[in-house]
Amino acid sequence: LIDGTLVREPLPRYGHQRLASRIHVALVARVGPDRAVESPIGVVLGRHDAYEPDVAVLDAVPPDDATDVGVPLLVVEVLSPSTRRHDIGHKSCRYLDGGVREVWLVDPAERWVEVRTSERVTRYVEHAEAVSEAVPGFVLVPETLFARP
């Protein structure tokens, strides 16, 4: 639900899900499986905005019957050709405006990781370590993340 409009997105491709899974595993290692969650998970940021990030780190463990998990500390969006512009533009801004501390954008086509906060945007490529301030100890290295199995 975006600005009160129901949006249907195409199913993700295998490469998209593979990257999301790698990121999820790395986050589970830092915060555990109860706070690091993969899509579909509902992040409600107002009466007319509900999103499903590819991966999120929750501030606290919600009740099992929750459909709204609260405002996450960190969300990750793996960019797809069909949603790229929306994820980079409106969606990442909305997450930050809604109280998410960090938005991580992962671009498999260009092979970069971008970390966005309300204060700055930093892009990481190749061997550069993307380091989280919201989740201590969480680090991604683009070259490792994008390596083929």
Protein backbone atom coordinates (compact mmCIF):
# COMPACT_ATOMS: atom_id res chain seq x y z
CA LEU A 1 0.00 0.00 0.00
CA ILE A 2 1.64 3.23 -1.16
CA ASP A 3 -0.12 6.55 -0.67
CA GLY A 4 -3.33 4.56 -0.22
CA THR A 5 -2.96 2.72 -3.56
CA LEU A 6 -2.54 -1.04 -3.75
CA VAL A 7 0.66 -1.81 -5.70
CA ARG A 8 1.46 -5.20 -7.14
CA GLU A 9 5.05 -5.90 -8.04
CA PRO A 10 6.37 -8.74 -10.22
CA LEU A 11 7.91 -11.80 -8.57
CA PRO A 12 11.63 -11.43 -7.86
CA ARG A 13 14.21 -13.39 -9.85
CA TYR A 14 16.50 -15.97 -8.31
CA GLY A 15 19.53 -13.63 -8.22
CA HIS A 16 17.50 -11.07 -6.28
CA GLN A 17 16.46 -13.64 -3.69
CA ARG A 18 20.00 -15.06 -3.46
CA LEU A 19 21.35 -11.62 -2.54
CA ALA A 20 18.54 -11.01 -0.05
CA SER A 21 19.26 -14.39 1.56
CA ARG A 22 22.98 -13.64 1.88
CA ILE A 23 22.20 -10.33 3.55
CA HIS A 24 19.63 -11.95 5.83
CA VAL A 25 22.14 -14.60 6.95
CA ALA A 26 24.71 -11.90 7.73
CA LEU A 27 22.16 -9.95 9.77
CA VAL A 28 21.00 -13.06 11.64
CA ALA A 29 24.62 -13.55 12.70
CA ARG A 30 24.53 -10.07 14.30
CA VAL A 31 21.03 -9.82 15.83
CA GLY A 32 19.58 -13.33 15.73
CA PRO A 33 16.73 -14.86 13.73
CA ASP A 34 13.93 -13.18 15.67
CA ARG A 35 14.94 -9.62 14.77
CA ALA A 36 16.39 -10.15 11.26
CA VAL A 37 13.49 -10.96 8.94
CA GLU A 38 13.03 -11.49 5.21
CA SER A 39 10.13 -10.44 3.01
CA PRO A 40 7.23 -10.67 3.14
CA ILE A 41 7.06 -8.64 6.32
CA GLY A 42 4.80 -5.62 6.77
CA VAL A 43 6.32 -2.25 7.64
CA VAL A 44 3.53 0.26 8.16
CA LEU A 45 4.70 3.87 8.02
CA GLY A 46 1.43 5.73 8.31
CA ARG A 47 -2.21 5.26 7.50
CA HIS A 48 -1.64 5.05 3.76
CA ASP A 49 1.84 3.51 3.46
CA ALA A 50 2.78 -0.13 4.03
CA TYR A 51 5.98 -1.59 2.60
CA GLU A 52 7.66 -4.99 2.33
CA PRO A 53 11.43 -4.56 2.42
CA ASP A 54 13.54 -7.48 1.21
CA VAL A 55 15.21 -7.70 4.63
CA ALA A 56 14.66 -5.78 7.85
CA VAL A 57 16.14 -5.62 11.33
CA LEU A 58 13.47 -5.05 13.93
CA ASP A 59 14.01 -2.87 16.97
CA ALA A 60 12.15 -5.39 19.13
CA VAL A 61 10.51 -8.77 18.62
CA PRO A 62 6.79 -8.23 17.94
CA PRO A 63 4.01 -10.62 18.98
CA ASP A 64 3.59 -13.65 16.70
CA ASP A 65 0.22 -12.41 15.44
CA ALA A 66 1.51 -8.93 14.46
CA THR A 67 0.96 -7.76 10.89
CA ASP A 68 2.79 -4.50 11.59
CA VAL A 69 6.29 -5.04 12.98
CA GLY A 70 6.88 -1.41 13.92
CA VAL A 71 9.59 0.82 12.50
CA PRO A 72 12.73 -1.26 11.80
CA LEU A 73 16.24 -0.11 12.68
CA LEU A 74 17.45 -1.05 9.20
CA VAL A 75 15.84 -2.08 5.92
CA VAL A 76 17.43 -3.53 2.80
CA GLU A 77 16.07 -3.22 -0.71
CA VAL A 78 17.69 -5.28 -3.47
CA LEU A 79 17.05 -3.25 -6.62
CA SER A 80 15.19 -4.81 -9.52
CA PRO A 81 14.72 -3.28 -12.98
CA SER A 82 10.97 -2.94 -12.42
CA THR A 83 11.20 -1.22 -9.00
CA ARG A 84 14.61 0.48 -9.14
CA ARG A 85 13.47 4.10 -9.56
CA HIS A 86 10.77 3.78 -6.92
CA ASP A 87 13.12 2.10 -4.40
CA ILE A 88 15.87 4.70 -4.88
CA GLY A 89 13.49 7.66 -4.86
CA HIS A 90 10.20 7.58 -3.00
CA LYS A 91 10.58 4.38 -1.00
CA SER A 92 13.99 5.04 0.57
CA CYS A 93 12.95 8.60 1.49
CA ARG A 94 9.70 7.34 2.99
CA TYR A 95 11.54 4.78 5.12
CA LEU A 96 13.85 7.48 6.52
CA ASP A 97 11.00 9.95 7.04
CA GLY A 98 9.13 7.18 8.88
CA GLY A 99 11.94 6.67 11.38
CA VAL A 100 14.07 3.87 9.89
CA ARG A 101 17.68 4.60 10.93
CA GLU A 102 19.37 3.07 7.87
CA VAL A 103 18.22 2.12 4.38
CA TRP A 104 20.56 -0.15 2.46
CA LEU A 105 20.11 -0.25 -1.30
CA VAL A 106 21.82 -3.12 -3.11
CA ASP A 107 22.27 -2.84 -6.89
CA PRO A 108 23.16 -6.17 -8.53
CA ALA A 109 23.35 -4.59 -12.01
CA GLU A 110 25.91 -1.92 -11.05
CA ARG A 111 27.38 -3.96 -8.16
CA TRP A 112 27.19 -1.35 -5.42
CA VAL A 113 25.76 -1.07 -1.92
CA GLU A 114 24.46 2.27 -0.74
CA VAL A 115 23.79 3.13 2.89
CA ARG A 116 21.34 5.95 3.47
CA THR A 117 20.63 7.74 6.72
CA SER A 118 18.82 11.01 7.38
CA GLU A 119 22.26 12.72 7.38
CA ARG A 120 24.09 11.12 4.44
CA VAL A 121 24.23 8.74 1.51
CA THR A 122 27.36 6.64 1.04
CA ARG A 123 27.98 4.26 -1.86
CA TYR A 124 30.36 1.30 -1.58
CA VAL A 125 31.92 -0.69 -4.43
CA GLU A 126 34.40 -3.54 -4.82
CA HIS A 127 36.42 -4.06 -1.59
CA ALA A 128 35.02 -1.10 0.35
CA GLU A 129 33.29 -2.16 3.57
CA ALA A 130 29.76 -0.89 4.08
CA VAL A 131 29.44 -0.64 7.86
CA SER A 132 26.20 -0.20 9.77
CA GLU A 133 25.80 2.27 12.60
CA ALA A 134 22.30 1.00 13.41
CA VAL A 135 23.39 -2.65 13.72
CA PRO A 136 26.85 -2.79 15.32
CA GLY A 137 29.14 -5.30 13.64
CA PHE A 138 27.09 -5.62 10.44
CA VAL A 139 29.37 -5.19 7.42
CA LEU A 140 28.89 -5.95 3.72
CA VAL A 141 31.65 -5.97 1.10
CA PRO A 142 30.16 -5.61 -2.39
CA GLU A 143 32.72 -7.85 -4.10
CA THR A 144 31.93 -10.68 -1.66
CA LEU A 145 28.18 -10.09 -1.73
CA PHE A 146 27.98 -10.17 -5.53
CA ALA A 147 30.34 -13.14 -5.99
CA ARG A 148 28.79 -15.93 -8.01
CA PRO A 149 28.22 -19.22 -6.16
